[in-house]
Amino acid sequence: MLARIYRPAKTAMQSGKAKTQAWTLEFGPASARTPDPLMGWSSSRDMNGQIRLKFDTQAEAVAYAEKHGIPFRVYEPHEAPVIIKAYADNFATNRKVPWTH
């Protein structure tokens, strides 16, 4: 079972970047999910799928995995480009497309 170490992306529902600074170690699925015969819900016998550990730095997460003999893969975060905008740019005279209302 391979663990992955990553930094979560920001949620699409908010513009803030809360809960994106900590590094997460989580285990991949060891077996396929199966439907429960009574209710039809998907279930799994893999208890490691419920474990999600948080670390302040990538180095701490890697050290933890190495110390406990957990095979892992590190996924580097993709940083979004910062586009600086101002409300006054909507009314600039040098706009490419004229602003009309």
PDB file of N, CA and C in Angstrom:
ATOM      1  N   MET A   1       0.846  -1.165   0.000  1.00  0.00           N
ATOM      2  CA  MET A   1       0.000   0.000   0.000  1.00  0.00           C
ATOM      3  C   MET A   1       0.897   1.235   0.000  1.00  0.00           C
ATOM      4  N   LEU A   2       0.667   2.073  -0.965  1.00  0.00           N
ATOM      5  CA  LEU A   2       1.483   3.261  -1.174  1.00  0.00           C
ATOM      6  C   LEU A   2       0.785   4.465  -0.565  1.00  0.00           C
ATOM      7  N   ALA A   3       1.521   5.232   0.228  1.00  0.00           N
ATOM      8  CA  ALA A   3       0.969   6.459   0.808  1.00  0.00           C
ATOM      9  C   ALA A   3       1.353   7.625  -0.085  1.00  0.00           C
ATOM     10  N   ARG A   4       0.546   8.668  -0.053  1.00  0.00           N
ATOM     11  CA  ARG A   4       0.899   9.864  -0.807  1.00  0.00           C
ATOM     12  C   ARG A   4       1.005  11.034   0.147  1.00  0.00           C
ATOM     13  N   ILE A   5       2.005  11.864  -0.118  1.00  0.00           N
ATOM     14  CA  ILE A   5       2.259  13.050   0.684  1.00  0.00           C
ATOM     15  C   ILE A   5       2.030  14.241  -0.225  1.00  0.00           C
ATOM     16  N   TYR A   6       1.131  15.131   0.178  1.00  0.00           N
ATOM     17  CA  TYR A   6       0.772  16.256  -0.670  1.00  0.00           C
ATOM     18  C   TYR A   6       0.296  17.425   0.188  1.00  0.00           C
ATOM     19  N   ARG A   7       0.203  18.577  -0.442  1.00  0.00           N
ATOM     20  CA  ARG A   7      -0.397  19.753   0.185  1.00  0.00           C
ATOM     21  C   ARG A   7      -1.734  19.990  -0.492  1.00  0.00           C
ATOM     22  N   PRO A   8      -2.858  19.988   0.254  1.00  0.00           N
ATOM     23  CA  PRO A   8      -4.171  20.095  -0.369  1.00  0.00           C
ATOM     24  C   PRO A   8      -4.356  21.407  -1.127  1.00  0.00           C
ATOM     25  N   ALA A   9      -5.116  21.347  -2.201  1.00  0.00           N
ATOM     26  CA  ALA A   9      -5.443  22.539  -2.971  1.00  0.00           C
ATOM     27  C   ALA A   9      -6.540  23.313  -2.249  1.00  0.00           C
ATOM     28  N   LYS A  10      -6.681  24.578  -2.604  1.00  0.00           N
ATOM     29  CA  LYS A  10      -7.739  25.373  -1.977  1.00  0.00           C
ATOM     30  C   LYS A  10      -9.090  24.918  -2.497  1.00  0.00           C
ATOM     31  N   THR A  11     -10.098  25.095  -1.691  1.00  0.00           N
ATOM     32  CA  THR A  11     -11.430  24.685  -2.085  1.00  0.00           C
ATOM     33  C   THR A  11     -11.958  25.600  -3.188  1.00  0.00           C
ATOM     34  N   ALA A  12     -12.747  25.052  -4.068  1.00  0.00           N
ATOM     35  CA  ALA A  12     -13.302  25.837  -5.164  1.00  0.00           C
ATOM     36  C   ALA A  12     -14.450  26.722  -4.700  1.00  0.00           C
ATOM     37  N   MET A  13     -14.961  26.485  -3.508  1.00  0.00           N
ATOM     38  CA  MET A  13     -16.105  27.234  -3.013  1.00  0.00           C
ATOM     39  C   MET A  13     -15.723  28.549  -2.343  1.00  0.00           C
ATOM     40  N   GLN A  14     -14.457  28.738  -2.021  1.00  0.00           N
ATOM     41  CA  GLN A  14     -14.021  29.951  -1.338  1.00  0.00           C
ATOM     42  C   GLN A  14     -12.801  30.516  -2.046  1.00  0.00           C
ATOM     43  N   SER A  15     -12.553  31.802  -1.859  1.00  0.00           N
ATOM     44  CA  SER A  15     -11.378  32.399  -2.477  1.00  0.00           C
ATOM     45  C   SER A  15     -10.168  32.357  -1.554  1.00  0.00           C
ATOM     46  N   GLY A  16     -10.373  32.044  -0.290  1.00  0.00           N
ATOM     47  CA  GLY A  16      -9.273  31.997   0.668  1.00  0.00           C
ATOM     48  C   GLY A  16      -8.441  30.733   0.528  1.00  0.00           C
ATOM     49  N   LYS A  17      -7.313  30.709   1.211  1.00  0.00           N
ATOM     50  CA  LYS A  17      -6.401  29.567   1.135  1.00  0.00           C
ATOM     51  C   LYS A  17      -6.264  28.859   2.478  1.00  0.00           C
ATOM     52  N   ALA A  18      -7.348  28.813   3.245  1.00  0.00           N
ATOM     53  CA  ALA A  18      -7.311  28.124   4.532  1.00  0.00           C
ATOM     54  C   ALA A  18      -7.130  26.623   4.314  1.00  0.00           C
ATOM     55  N   LYS A  19      -6.469  25.979   5.230  1.00  0.00           N
ATOM     56  CA  LYS A  19      -6.225  24.526   5.231  1.00  0.00           C
ATOM     57  C   LYS A  19      -5.407  24.057   4.021  1.00  0.00           C
ATOM     58  N   THR A  20      -4.559  24.927   3.481  1.00  0.00           N
ATOM     59  CA  THR A  20      -3.722  24.516   2.357  1.00  0.00           C
ATOM     60  C   THR A  20      -2.236  24.575   2.701  1.00  0.00           C
ATOM     61  N   GLN A  21      -1.888  24.941   3.918  1.00  0.00           N
ATOM     62  CA  GLN A  21      -0.476  25.084   4.273  1.00  0.00           C
ATOM     63  C   GLN A  21       0.121  23.803   4.858  1.00  0.00           C
ATOM     64  N   ALA A  22      -0.694  22.963   5.462  1.00  0.00           N
ATOM     65  CA  ALA A  22      -0.197  21.729   6.075  1.00  0.00           C
ATOM     66  C   ALA A  22      -0.028  20.641   5.016  1.00  0.00           C
ATOM     67  N   TRP A  23       0.962  19.789   5.226  1.00  0.00           N
ATOM     68  CA  TRP A  23       1.193  18.641   4.341  1.00  0.00           C
ATOM     69  C   TRP A  23       0.408  17.452   4.893  1.00  0.00           C
ATOM     70  N   THR A  24      -0.160  16.651   4.005  1.00  0.00           N
ATOM     71  CA  THR A  24      -1.013  15.530   4.387  1.00  0.00           C
ATOM     72  C   THR A  24      -0.402  14.218   3.913  1.00  0.00           C
ATOM     73  N   LEU A  25      -0.432  13.225   4.788  1.00  0.00           N
ATOM     74  CA  LEU A  25      -0.038  11.868   4.431  1.00  0.00           C
ATOM     75  C   LEU A  25      -1.288  11.022   4.509  1.00  0.00           C
ATOM     76  N   GLU A  26      -1.681  10.414   3.388  1.00  0.00           N
ATOM     77  CA  GLU A  26      -2.838   9.524   3.396  1.00  0.00           C
ATOM     78  C   GLU A  26      -2.523   8.284   2.575  1.00  0.00           C
ATOM     79  N   PHE A  27      -3.157   7.201   2.931  1.00  0.00           N
ATOM     80  CA  PHE A  27      -2.904   5.916   2.293  1.00  0.00           C
ATOM     81  C   PHE A  27      -3.824   5.722   1.101  1.00  0.00           C
ATOM     82  N   GLY A  28      -3.290   5.095   0.070  1.00  0.00           N
ATOM     83  CA  GLY A  28      -4.096   4.741  -1.086  1.00  0.00           C
ATOM     84  C   GLY A  28      -4.948   3.535  -0.776  1.00  0.00           C
ATOM     85  N   PRO A  29      -5.953   3.274  -1.602  1.00  0.00           N
ATOM     86  CA  PRO A  29      -6.816   2.117  -1.342  1.00  0.00           C
ATOM     87  C   PRO A  29      -6.068   0.797  -1.556  1.00  0.00           C
ATOM     88  N   ALA A  30      -6.201  -0.103  -0.590  1.00  0.00           N
ATOM     89  CA  ALA A  30      -5.548  -1.410  -0.694  1.00  0.00           C
ATOM     90  C   ALA A  30      -6.423  -2.404  -1.449  1.00  0.00           C
ATOM     91  N   SER A  31      -7.733  -2.168  -1.430  1.00  0.00           N
ATOM     92  CA  SER A  31      -8.647  -3.059  -2.134  1.00  0.00           C
ATOM     93  C   SER A  31      -9.793  -2.229  -2.701  1.00  0.00           C
ATOM     94  N   ALA A  32     -10.508  -2.803  -3.646  1.00  0.00           N
ATOM     95  CA  ALA A  32     -11.625  -2.103  -4.279  1.00  0.00           C
ATOM     96  C   ALA A  32     -12.800  -2.003  -3.312  1.00  0.00           C
ATOM     97  N   ARG A  33     -13.571  -0.954  -3.468  1.00  0.00           N
ATOM     98  CA  ARG A  33     -14.779  -0.787  -2.659  1.00  0.00           C
ATOM     99  C   ARG A  33     -15.888  -1.671  -3.231  1.00  0.00           C
ATOM    100  N   THR A  34     -16.696  -2.222  -2.343  1.00  0.00           N
ATOM    101  CA  THR A  34     -17.776  -3.105  -2.764  1.00  0.00           C
ATOM    102  C   THR A  34     -19.101  -2.583  -2.212  1.00  0.00           C
ATOM    103  N   PRO A  35     -20.200  -2.816  -2.916  1.00  0.00           N
ATOM    104  CA  PRO A  35     -21.498  -2.372  -2.385  1.00  0.00           C
ATOM    105  C   PRO A  35     -21.964  -3.267  -1.246  1.00  0.00           C
ATOM    106  N   ASP A  36     -22.526  -2.644  -0.237  1.00  0.00           N
ATOM    107  CA  ASP A  36     -23.091  -3.378   0.892  1.00  0.00           C
ATOM    108  C   ASP A  36     -24.350  -4.102   0.416  1.00  0.00           C
ATOM    109  N   PRO A  37     -24.509  -5.401   0.691  1.00  0.00           N
ATOM    110  CA  PRO A  37     -25.662  -6.130   0.161  1.00  0.00           C
ATOM    111  C   PRO A  37     -27.001  -5.647   0.725  1.00  0.00           C
ATOM    112  N   LEU A  38     -27.012  -5.122   1.934  1.00  0.00           N
ATOM    113  CA  LEU A  38     -28.270  -4.714   2.543  1.00  0.00           C
ATOM    114  C   LEU A  38     -28.704  -3.317   2.100  1.00  0.00           C
ATOM    115  N   MET A  39     -27.814  -2.323   2.230  1.00  0.00           N
ATOM    116  CA  MET A  39     -28.180  -0.940   1.954  1.00  0.00           C
ATOM    117  C   MET A  39     -27.699  -0.450   0.592  1.00  0.00           C
ATOM    118  N   GLY A  40     -26.685  -1.103   0.032  1.00  0.00           N
ATOM    119  CA  GLY A  40     -26.170  -0.666  -1.258  1.00  0.00           C
ATOM    120  C   GLY A  40     -25.086   0.395  -1.155  1.00  0.00           C
ATOM    121  N   TRP A  41     -24.693   0.791   0.057  1.00  0.00           N
ATOM    122  CA  TRP A  41     -23.637   1.767   0.228  1.00  0.00           C
ATOM    123  C   TRP A  41     -22.303   1.123  -0.119  1.00  0.00           C
ATOM    124  N   SER A  42     -21.358   1.927  -0.572  1.00  0.00           N
ATOM    125  CA  SER A  42     -20.042   1.371  -0.868  1.00  0.00           C
ATOM    126  C   SER A  42     -19.273   1.210   0.440  1.00  0.00           C
ATOM    127  N   SER A  43     -18.570   0.081   0.549  1.00  0.00           N
ATOM    128  CA  SER A  43     -17.824  -0.193   1.770  1.00  0.00           C
ATOM    129  C   SER A  43     -16.478  -0.799   1.408  1.00  0.00           C
ATOM    130  N   SER A  44     -15.593  -0.802   2.385  1.00  0.00           N
ATOM    131  CA  SER A  44     -14.259  -1.337   2.192  1.00  0.00           C
ATOM    132  C   SER A  44     -13.780  -1.932   3.505  1.00  0.00           C
ATOM    133  N   ARG A  45     -12.953  -2.939   3.413  1.00  0.00           N
ATOM    134  CA  ARG A  45     -12.376  -3.540   4.612  1.00  0.00           C
ATOM    135  C   ARG A  45     -11.028  -2.910   4.955  1.00  0.00           C
ATOM    136  N   ASP A  46     -10.618  -1.930   4.186  1.00  0.00           N
ATOM    137  CA  ASP A  46      -9.327  -1.270   4.365  1.00  0.00           C
ATOM    138  C   ASP A  46      -9.458  -0.142   5.388  1.00  0.00           C
ATOM    139  N   MET A  47      -8.917  -0.332   6.585  1.00  0.00           N
ATOM    140  CA  MET A  47      -9.018   0.681   7.631  1.00  0.00           C
ATOM    141  C   MET A  47      -8.006   1.815   7.442  1.00  0.00           C
ATOM    142  N   ASN A  48      -6.924   1.573   6.696  1.00  0.00           N
ATOM    143  CA  ASN A  48      -5.934   2.635   6.482  1.00  0.00           C
ATOM    144  C   ASN A  48      -6.491   3.760   5.610  1.00  0.00           C
ATOM    145  N   GLY A  49      -7.551   3.498   4.884  1.00  0.00           N
ATOM    146  CA  GLY A  49      -8.163   4.541   4.066  1.00  0.00           C
ATOM    147  C   GLY A  49      -8.794   5.644   4.904  1.00  0.00           C
ATOM    148  N   GLN A  50      -8.992   5.397   6.187  1.00  0.00           N
ATOM    149  CA  GLN A  50      -9.580   6.390   7.078  1.00  0.00           C
ATOM    150  C   GLN A  50      -8.534   7.269   7.744  1.00  0.00           C
ATOM    151  N   ILE A  51      -7.261   6.931   7.581  1.00  0.00           N
ATOM    152  CA  ILE A  51      -6.193   7.659   8.264  1.00  0.00           C
ATOM    153  C   ILE A  51      -5.695   8.792   7.371  1.00  0.00           C
ATOM    154  N   ARG A  52      -5.651   9.982   7.934  1.00  0.00           N
ATOM    155  CA  ARG A  52      -5.119  11.155   7.235  1.00  0.00           C
ATOM    156  C   ARG A  52      -4.318  11.950   8.262  1.00  0.00           C
ATOM    157  N   LEU A  53      -2.986  11.962   8.110  1.00  0.00           N
ATOM    158  CA  LEU A  53      -2.105  12.636   9.056  1.00  0.00           C
ATOM    159  C   LEU A  53      -1.672  13.980   8.491  1.00  0.00           C
ATOM    160  N   LYS A  54      -1.604  15.000   9.348  1.00  0.00           N
ATOM    161  CA  LYS A  54      -1.200  16.350   8.941  1.00  0.00           C
ATOM    162  C   LYS A  54       0.164  16.669   9.538  1.00  0.00           C
ATOM    163  N   PHE A  55       1.016  17.338   8.736  1.00  0.00           N
ATOM    164  CA  PHE A  55       2.350  17.741   9.167  1.00  0.00           C
ATOM    165  C   PHE A  55       2.574  19.191   8.750  1.00  0.00           C
ATOM    166  N   ASP A  56       3.425  19.888   9.499  1.00  0.00           N
ATOM    167  CA  ASP A  56       3.712  21.288   9.181  1.00  0.00           C
ATOM    168  C   ASP A  56       4.585  21.428   7.943  1.00  0.00           C
ATOM    169  N   THR A  57       5.500  20.500   7.739  1.00  0.00           N
ATOM    170  CA  THR A  57       6.412  20.593   6.595  1.00  0.00           C
ATOM    171  C   THR A  57       6.452  19.262   5.855  1.00  0.00           C
ATOM    172  N   GLN A  58       6.942  19.341   4.635  1.00  0.00           N
ATOM    173  CA  GLN A  58       7.094  18.139   3.818  1.00  0.00           C
ATOM    174  C   GLN A  58       8.145  17.225   4.430  1.00  0.00           C
ATOM    175  N   ALA A  59       9.203  17.803   4.966  1.00  0.00           N
ATOM    176  CA  ALA A  59      10.276  17.006   5.557  1.00  0.00           C
ATOM    177  C   ALA A  59       9.780  16.179   6.739  1.00  0.00           C
ATOM    178  N   GLU A  60       8.892  16.735   7.552  1.00  0.00           N
ATOM    179  CA  GLU A  60       8.338  15.981   8.686  1.00  0.00           C
ATOM    180  C   GLU A  60       7.515  14.789   8.202  1.00  0.00           C
ATOM    181  N   ALA A  61       6.737  14.984   7.159  1.00  0.00           N
ATOM    182  CA  ALA A  61       5.915  13.906   6.629  1.00  0.00           C
ATOM    183  C   ALA A  61       6.786  12.796   6.042  1.00  0.00           C
ATOM    184  N   VAL A  62       7.826  13.163   5.316  1.00  0.00           N
ATOM    185  CA  VAL A  62       8.738  12.177   4.729  1.00  0.00           C
ATOM    186  C   VAL A  62       9.480  11.430   5.834  1.00  0.00           C
ATOM    187  N   ALA A  63       9.932  12.149   6.865  1.00  0.00           N
ATOM    188  CA  ALA A  63      10.641  11.505   7.975  1.00  0.00           C
ATOM    189  C   ALA A  63       9.736  10.512   8.700  1.00  0.00           C
ATOM    190  N   TYR A  64       8.470  10.858   8.896  1.00  0.00           N
ATOM    191  CA  TYR A  64       7.523   9.952   9.555  1.00  0.00           C
ATOM    192  C   TYR A  64       7.340   8.678   8.738  1.00  0.00           C
ATOM    193  N   ALA A  65       7.158   8.854   7.427  1.00  0.00           N
ATOM    194  CA  ALA A  65       6.955   7.688   6.568  1.00  0.00           C
ATOM    195  C   ALA A  65       8.187   6.786   6.553  1.00  0.00           C
ATOM    196  N   GLU A  66       9.372   7.378   6.493  1.00  0.00           N
ATOM    197  CA  GLU A  66      10.605   6.580   6.488  1.00  0.00           C
ATOM    198  C   GLU A  66      10.821   5.881   7.827  1.00  0.00           C
ATOM    199  N   LYS A  67      10.511   6.564   8.920  1.00  0.00           N
ATOM    200  CA  LYS A  67      10.699   5.988  10.254  1.00  0.00           C
ATOM    201  C   LYS A  67       9.816   4.760  10.457  1.00  0.00           C
ATOM    202  N   HIS A  68       8.586   4.810   9.921  1.00  0.00           N
ATOM    203  CA  HIS A  68       7.641   3.713  10.107  1.00  0.00           C
ATOM    204  C   HIS A  68       7.628   2.733   8.936  1.00  0.00           C
ATOM    205  N   GLY A  69       8.529   2.899   7.979  1.00  0.00           N
ATOM    206  CA  GLY A  69       8.639   1.957   6.871  1.00  0.00           C
ATOM    207  C   GLY A  69       7.457   1.996   5.913  1.00  0.00           C
ATOM    208  N   ILE A  70       6.882   3.160   5.729  1.00  0.00           N
ATOM    209  CA  ILE A  70       5.724   3.310   4.840  1.00  0.00           C
ATOM    210  C   ILE A  70       6.229   3.742   3.459  1.00  0.00           C
ATOM    211  N   PRO A  71       5.954   2.969   2.405  1.00  0.00           N
ATOM    212  CA  PRO A  71       6.328   3.431   1.063  1.00  0.00           C
ATOM    213  C   PRO A  71       5.449   4.626   0.676  1.00  0.00           C
ATOM    214  N   PHE A  72       6.052   5.645   0.071  1.00  0.00           N
ATOM    215  CA  PHE A  72       5.301   6.870  -0.197  1.00  0.00           C
ATOM    216  C   PHE A  72       5.724   7.488  -1.518  1.00  0.00           C
ATOM    217  N   ARG A  73       4.902   8.416  -1.975  1.00  0.00           N
ATOM    218  CA  ARG A  73       5.209   9.250  -3.138  1.00  0.00           C
ATOM    219  C   ARG A  73       4.833  10.680  -2.767  1.00  0.00           C
ATOM    220  N   VAL A  74       5.727  11.626  -3.081  1.00  0.00           N
ATOM    221  CA  VAL A  74       5.497  13.032  -2.772  1.00  0.00           C
ATOM    222  C   VAL A  74       4.955  13.724  -4.016  1.00  0.00           C
ATOM    223  N   TYR A  75       3.853  14.452  -3.855  1.00  0.00           N
ATOM    224  CA  TYR A  75       3.260  15.242  -4.928  1.00  0.00           C
ATOM    225  C   TYR A  75       3.497  16.709  -4.611  1.00  0.00           C
ATOM    226  N   GLU A  76       4.264  17.365  -5.456  1.00  0.00           N
ATOM    227  CA  GLU A  76       4.558  18.788  -5.249  1.00  0.00           C
ATOM    228  C   GLU A  76       3.328  19.626  -5.595  1.00  0.00           C
ATOM    229  N   PRO A  77       3.082  20.689  -4.829  1.00  0.00           N
ATOM    230  CA  PRO A  77       1.909  21.528  -5.124  1.00  0.00           C
ATOM    231  C   PRO A  77       2.147  22.399  -6.359  1.00  0.00           C
ATOM    232  N   HIS A  78       1.076  22.693  -7.068  1.00  0.00           N
ATOM    233  CA  HIS A  78       1.134  23.590  -8.217  1.00  0.00           C
ATOM    234  C   HIS A  78       0.651  24.958  -7.745  1.00  0.00           C
ATOM    235  N   GLU A  79       1.525  25.942  -7.809  1.00  0.00           N
ATOM    236  CA  GLU A  79       1.168  27.279  -7.355  1.00  0.00           C
ATOM    237  C   GLU A  79       0.433  28.025  -8.458  1.00  0.00           C
ATOM    238  N   ALA A  80      -0.668  28.647  -8.111  1.00  0.00           N
ATOM    239  CA  ALA A  80      -1.431  29.438  -9.073  1.00  0.00           C
ATOM    240  C   ALA A  80      -0.739  30.775  -9.303  1.00  0.00           C
ATOM    241  N   PRO A  81      -0.769  31.284 -10.525  1.00  0.00           N
ATOM    242  CA  PRO A  81      -0.137  32.583 -10.773  1.00  0.00           C
ATOM    243  C   PRO A  81      -0.920  33.700 -10.080  1.00  0.00           C
ATOM    244  N   VAL A  82      -0.190  34.659  -9.563  1.00  0.00           N
ATOM    245  CA  VAL A  82      -0.815  35.785  -8.888  1.00  0.00           C
ATOM    246  C   VAL A  82      -1.072  36.874  -9.928  1.00  0.00           C
ATOM    247  N   ILE A  83      -2.333  37.237 -10.091  1.00  0.00           N
ATOM    248  CA  ILE A  83      -2.716  38.281 -11.034  1.00  0.00           C
ATOM    249  C   ILE A  83      -3.210  39.464 -10.212  1.00  0.00           C
ATOM    250  N   ILE A  84      -2.449  40.538 -10.241  1.00  0.00           N
ATOM    251  CA  ILE A  84      -2.804  41.708  -9.454  1.00  0.00           C
ATOM    252  C   ILE A  84      -3.794  42.548 -10.255  1.00  0.00           C
ATOM    253  N   LYS A  85      -4.948  42.803  -9.657  1.00  0.00           N
ATOM    254  CA  LYS A  85      -5.993  43.575 -10.307  1.00  0.00           C
ATOM    255  C   LYS A  85      -6.464  44.672  -9.364  1.00  0.00           C
ATOM    256  N   ALA A  86      -6.999  45.710  -9.936  1.00  0.00           N
ATOM    257  CA  ALA A  86      -7.607  46.773  -9.154  1.00  0.00           C
ATOM    258  C   ALA A  86      -8.959  47.103  -9.775  1.00  0.00           C
ATOM    259  N   TYR A  87      -9.876  47.542  -8.960  1.00  0.00           N
ATOM    260  CA  TYR A  87     -11.204  47.886  -9.449  1.00  0.00           C
ATOM    261  C   TYR A  87     -11.125  49.038 -10.450  1.00  0.00           C
ATOM    262  N   ALA A  88     -10.173  49.920 -10.260  1.00  0.00           N
ATOM    263  CA  ALA A  88     -10.025  51.073 -11.156  1.00  0.00           C
ATOM    264  C   ALA A  88      -9.654  50.655 -12.574  1.00  0.00           C
ATOM    265  N   ASP A  89      -9.095  49.455 -12.739  1.00  0.00           N
ATOM    266  CA  ASP A  89      -8.745  48.986 -14.083  1.00  0.00           C
ATOM    267  C   ASP A  89      -9.974  48.815 -14.964  1.00  0.00           C
ATOM    268  N   ASN A  90     -11.149  48.638 -14.380  1.00  0.00           N
ATOM    269  CA  ASN A  90     -12.373  48.533 -15.166  1.00  0.00           C
ATOM    270  C   ASN A  90     -12.677  49.814 -15.922  1.00  0.00           C
ATOM    271  N   PHE A  91     -12.198  50.947 -15.426  1.00  0.00           N
ATOM    272  CA  PHE A  91     -12.516  52.239 -16.015  1.00  0.00           C
ATOM    273  C   PHE A  91     -11.315  52.884 -16.695  1.00  0.00           C
ATOM    274  N   ALA A  92     -10.252  52.127 -16.915  1.00  0.00           N
ATOM    275  CA  ALA A  92      -9.048  52.679 -17.544  1.00  0.00           C
ATOM    276  C   ALA A  92      -9.336  53.053 -19.000  1.00  0.00           C
ATOM    277  N   THR A  93      -8.669  54.078 -19.487  1.00  0.00           N
ATOM    278  CA  THR A  93      -8.889  54.522 -20.869  1.00  0.00           C
ATOM    279  C   THR A  93      -8.147  53.661 -21.876  1.00  0.00           C
ATOM    280  N   ASN A  94      -7.187  52.908 -21.446  1.00  0.00           N
ATOM    281  CA  ASN A  94      -6.390  52.084 -22.366  1.00  0.00           C
ATOM    282  C   ASN A  94      -6.821  50.619 -22.360  1.00  0.00           C
ATOM    283  N   ARG A  95      -8.098  50.349 -22.079  1.00  0.00           N
ATOM    284  CA  ARG A  95      -8.605  48.978 -22.113  1.00  0.00           C
ATOM    285  C   ARG A  95      -8.633  48.440 -23.531  1.00  0.00           C
ATOM    286  N   LYS A  96      -8.430  47.126 -23.677  1.00  0.00           N
ATOM    287  CA  LYS A  96      -8.486  46.514 -24.996  1.00  0.00           C
ATOM    288  C   LYS A  96      -9.912  46.457 -25.534  1.00  0.00           C
ATOM    289  N   VAL A  97     -10.853  46.205 -24.626  1.00  0.00           N
ATOM    290  CA  VAL A  97     -12.261  46.145 -24.992  1.00  0.00           C
ATOM    291  C   VAL A  97     -12.971  47.256 -24.230  1.00  0.00           C
ATOM    292  N   PRO A  98     -13.720  48.135 -24.917  1.00  0.00           N
ATOM    293  CA  PRO A  98     -14.390  49.207 -24.170  1.00  0.00           C
ATOM    294  C   PRO A  98     -15.427  48.654 -23.189  1.00  0.00           C
ATOM    295  N   TRP A  99     -15.528  49.307 -22.061  1.00  0.00           N
ATOM    296  CA  TRP A  99     -16.449  48.897 -21.019  1.00  0.00           C
ATOM    297  C   TRP A  99     -17.757  49.649 -21.223  1.00  0.00           C
ATOM    298  N   THR A 100     -18.826  48.932 -21.439  1.00  0.00           N
ATOM    299  CA  THR A 100     -20.118  49.586 -21.635  1.00  0.00           C
ATOM    300  C   THR A 100     -21.138  48.966 -20.726  1.00  0.00           C
ATOM    301  N   HIS A 101     -22.101  49.744 -20.392  1.00  0.00           N
ATOM    302  CA  HIS A 101     -23.198  49.287 -19.563  1.00  0.00           C
ATOM    303  C   HIS A 101     -24.459  49.880 -20.097  1.00  0.00           C
TER     304      HIS A 101
END
